[in-house]
């Protein structure tokens, strides 16, 4: 997990072999998202706003499971 600058997200991790993105929110909740490619993870990490990018391109587009 790598810390990110965001008002909603604390840290992000990615397993490229399993295509699983792990997101820990500032609330303390952690979720995994299935099917997230390495390119999608890179786009998230390089986004001007990590929280906005997450909301627009990942949340509600991939199966989420509370960890």
N, C-alpha and C. Protein backbone atom coordinates (compact mmCIF):
# COMPACT_ATOMS: atom_id res chain seq x y z
N UNK A 1 0.85 -1.18 0.00
CA UNK A 1 0.00 0.00 0.00
C UNK A 1 0.89 1.24 0.00
N UNK A 2 0.54 2.16 -0.88
CA UNK A 2 1.27 3.42 -0.95
C UNK A 2 0.35 4.55 -0.51
N UNK A 3 0.83 5.40 0.38
CA UNK A 3 0.02 6.56 0.78
C UNK A 3 -0.21 7.48 -0.42
N UNK A 4 -1.37 8.11 -0.47
CA UNK A 4 -1.68 9.05 -1.54
C UNK A 4 -2.20 10.35 -0.93
N UNK A 5 -2.06 11.44 -1.69
CA UNK A 5 -2.60 12.73 -1.26
C UNK A 5 -4.03 12.81 -1.74
N UNK A 6 -4.97 12.68 -0.82
CA UNK A 6 -6.38 12.71 -1.16
C UNK A 6 -7.18 13.02 0.10
N UNK A 7 -8.30 13.70 -0.08
CA UNK A 7 -9.15 13.99 1.07
C UNK A 7 -10.02 12.80 1.44
N UNK A 8 -10.09 11.78 0.57
CA UNK A 8 -10.94 10.62 0.84
C UNK A 8 -10.18 9.30 0.92
N UNK A 9 -9.03 9.21 0.26
CA UNK A 9 -8.28 7.96 0.19
C UNK A 9 -6.95 8.11 0.90
N UNK A 10 -6.65 7.15 1.78
CA UNK A 10 -5.40 7.18 2.54
C UNK A 10 -4.26 6.48 1.80
N UNK A 11 -4.55 5.28 1.23
CA UNK A 11 -3.51 4.50 0.59
C UNK A 11 -4.11 3.58 -0.47
N UNK A 12 -3.26 3.21 -1.44
CA UNK A 12 -3.68 2.36 -2.55
C UNK A 12 -2.63 1.28 -2.76
N UNK A 13 -3.08 0.05 -3.01
CA UNK A 13 -2.19 -1.04 -3.36
C UNK A 13 -2.74 -1.76 -4.57
N UNK A 14 -1.87 -2.47 -5.30
CA UNK A 14 -2.32 -3.19 -6.49
C UNK A 14 -1.52 -4.47 -6.65
N UNK A 15 -2.23 -5.55 -6.96
CA UNK A 15 -1.60 -6.83 -7.29
C UNK A 15 -1.83 -7.04 -8.78
N UNK A 16 -0.81 -6.76 -9.62
CA UNK A 16 -1.01 -6.85 -11.06
C UNK A 16 -1.29 -8.27 -11.57
N UNK A 17 -0.77 -9.28 -10.89
CA UNK A 17 -1.02 -10.66 -11.32
C UNK A 17 -2.47 -11.05 -11.13
N UNK A 18 -3.07 -10.61 -10.03
CA UNK A 18 -4.47 -10.94 -9.74
C UNK A 18 -5.43 -9.85 -10.22
N UNK A 19 -4.87 -8.70 -10.64
CA UNK A 19 -5.66 -7.54 -11.07
C UNK A 19 -6.61 -7.09 -9.96
N UNK A 20 -6.05 -6.98 -8.75
CA UNK A 20 -6.83 -6.55 -7.58
C UNK A 20 -6.26 -5.24 -7.05
N UNK A 21 -7.12 -4.25 -6.96
CA UNK A 21 -6.77 -2.95 -6.40
C UNK A 21 -7.29 -2.91 -4.96
N UNK A 22 -6.46 -2.49 -4.03
CA UNK A 22 -6.86 -2.34 -2.64
C UNK A 22 -6.82 -0.86 -2.29
N UNK A 23 -7.91 -0.37 -1.73
CA UNK A 23 -8.02 1.05 -1.37
C UNK A 23 -8.39 1.16 0.10
N UNK A 24 -7.57 1.91 0.85
CA UNK A 24 -7.89 2.21 2.25
C UNK A 24 -8.31 3.67 2.30
N UNK A 25 -9.53 3.88 2.74
CA UNK A 25 -10.10 5.22 2.81
C UNK A 25 -9.70 5.90 4.11
N UNK A 26 -9.80 7.21 4.15
CA UNK A 26 -9.46 7.96 5.36
C UNK A 26 -10.36 7.58 6.53
N UNK A 27 -11.52 7.02 6.24
CA UNK A 27 -12.43 6.56 7.30
C UNK A 27 -11.91 5.31 8.00
N UNK A 28 -10.90 4.66 7.39
CA UNK A 28 -10.35 3.43 7.93
C UNK A 28 -10.85 2.19 7.21
N UNK A 29 -11.91 2.32 6.43
CA UNK A 29 -12.45 1.19 5.68
C UNK A 29 -11.51 0.84 4.53
N UNK A 30 -11.36 -0.47 4.28
CA UNK A 30 -10.53 -0.95 3.18
C UNK A 30 -11.37 -1.82 2.27
N UNK A 31 -11.26 -1.58 0.96
CA UNK A 31 -12.00 -2.34 -0.04
C UNK A 31 -11.04 -2.84 -1.10
N UNK A 32 -11.39 -4.01 -1.68
CA UNK A 32 -10.66 -4.51 -2.84
C UNK A 32 -11.57 -4.42 -4.05
N UNK A 33 -10.97 -4.17 -5.19
CA UNK A 33 -11.70 -4.04 -6.46
C UNK A 33 -11.08 -5.01 -7.45
N UNK A 34 -11.90 -5.93 -7.98
CA UNK A 34 -11.42 -6.98 -8.87
C UNK A 34 -11.41 -6.53 -10.32
N UNK A 35 -10.39 -6.95 -11.06
CA UNK A 35 -10.34 -6.70 -12.49
C UNK A 35 -9.66 -5.41 -12.89
N UNK A 36 -8.95 -4.78 -11.96
CA UNK A 36 -8.29 -3.50 -12.24
C UNK A 36 -6.89 -3.77 -12.81
N UNK A 37 -6.67 -3.33 -14.04
CA UNK A 37 -5.40 -3.60 -14.73
C UNK A 37 -4.28 -2.71 -14.19
N UNK A 38 -3.06 -3.07 -14.56
CA UNK A 38 -1.90 -2.27 -14.17
C UNK A 38 -2.00 -0.86 -14.76
N UNK A 39 -2.49 -0.75 -15.99
CA UNK A 39 -2.65 0.57 -16.62
C UNK A 39 -3.66 1.42 -15.86
N UNK A 40 -4.75 0.80 -15.42
CA UNK A 40 -5.76 1.54 -14.65
C UNK A 40 -5.20 1.99 -13.31
N UNK A 41 -4.40 1.13 -12.69
CA UNK A 41 -3.75 1.49 -11.42
C UNK A 41 -2.79 2.66 -11.65
N UNK A 42 -2.00 2.59 -12.71
CA UNK A 42 -1.05 3.67 -13.01
C UNK A 42 -1.76 4.99 -13.25
N UNK A 43 -2.89 4.93 -13.97
CA UNK A 43 -3.66 6.14 -14.23
C UNK A 43 -4.18 6.74 -12.93
N UNK A 44 -4.62 5.88 -12.02
CA UNK A 44 -5.11 6.35 -10.72
C UNK A 44 -3.99 7.03 -9.94
N UNK A 45 -2.85 6.38 -9.87
CA UNK A 45 -1.74 6.90 -9.08
C UNK A 45 -1.17 8.19 -9.68
N UNK A 46 -1.30 8.36 -10.99
CA UNK A 46 -0.77 9.56 -11.64
C UNK A 46 -1.79 10.67 -11.82
N UNK A 47 -3.00 10.44 -11.35
CA UNK A 47 -4.07 11.42 -11.54
C UNK A 47 -3.83 12.68 -10.71
N UNK A 48 -4.27 13.81 -11.25
CA UNK A 48 -4.18 15.08 -10.54
C UNK A 48 -4.96 15.01 -9.23
N UNK A 49 -6.13 14.36 -9.29
CA UNK A 49 -6.95 14.13 -8.09
C UNK A 49 -7.26 12.64 -8.00
N UNK A 50 -6.61 11.97 -7.07
CA UNK A 50 -6.80 10.52 -6.91
C UNK A 50 -8.26 10.20 -6.57
N UNK A 51 -8.85 10.96 -5.67
CA UNK A 51 -10.24 10.71 -5.26
C UNK A 51 -11.22 10.87 -6.41
N UNK A 52 -11.06 11.92 -7.20
CA UNK A 52 -11.94 12.15 -8.35
C UNK A 52 -11.76 11.06 -9.38
N UNK A 53 -10.53 10.70 -9.67
CA UNK A 53 -10.26 9.64 -10.66
C UNK A 53 -10.88 8.33 -10.19
N UNK A 54 -10.70 8.01 -8.91
CA UNK A 54 -11.28 6.79 -8.36
C UNK A 54 -12.79 6.79 -8.53
N UNK A 55 -13.43 7.89 -8.19
CA UNK A 55 -14.90 7.97 -8.28
C UNK A 55 -15.39 7.85 -9.71
N UNK A 56 -14.66 8.43 -10.65
CA UNK A 56 -15.10 8.43 -12.05
C UNK A 56 -14.75 7.16 -12.81
N UNK A 57 -13.65 6.50 -12.44
CA UNK A 57 -13.16 5.40 -13.27
C UNK A 57 -13.11 4.03 -12.59
N UNK A 58 -13.26 3.97 -11.29
CA UNK A 58 -13.13 2.68 -10.60
C UNK A 58 -14.36 2.35 -9.76
N UNK A 59 -14.76 3.25 -8.87
CA UNK A 59 -15.92 3.00 -8.01
C UNK A 59 -17.13 2.71 -8.90
N UNK A 60 -17.88 1.71 -8.53
CA UNK A 60 -19.10 1.29 -9.25
C UNK A 60 -18.84 0.70 -10.63
N UNK A 61 -17.58 0.54 -11.03
CA UNK A 61 -17.26 -0.11 -12.31
C UNK A 61 -16.63 -1.48 -12.11
N UNK A 62 -16.14 -1.73 -10.90
CA UNK A 62 -15.50 -3.00 -10.59
C UNK A 62 -16.15 -3.58 -9.34
N UNK A 63 -16.14 -4.91 -9.25
CA UNK A 63 -16.72 -5.58 -8.08
C UNK A 63 -15.90 -5.23 -6.85
N UNK A 64 -16.57 -4.67 -5.85
CA UNK A 64 -15.90 -4.26 -4.61
C UNK A 64 -16.26 -5.21 -3.48
N UNK A 65 -15.26 -5.48 -2.64
CA UNK A 65 -15.45 -6.31 -1.46
C UNK A 65 -14.80 -5.61 -0.28
N UNK A 66 -15.53 -5.48 0.82
CA UNK A 66 -14.94 -4.87 2.02
C UNK A 66 -13.95 -5.85 2.62
N UNK A 67 -12.74 -5.36 2.87
CA UNK A 67 -11.69 -6.23 3.41
C UNK A 67 -11.75 -6.28 4.92
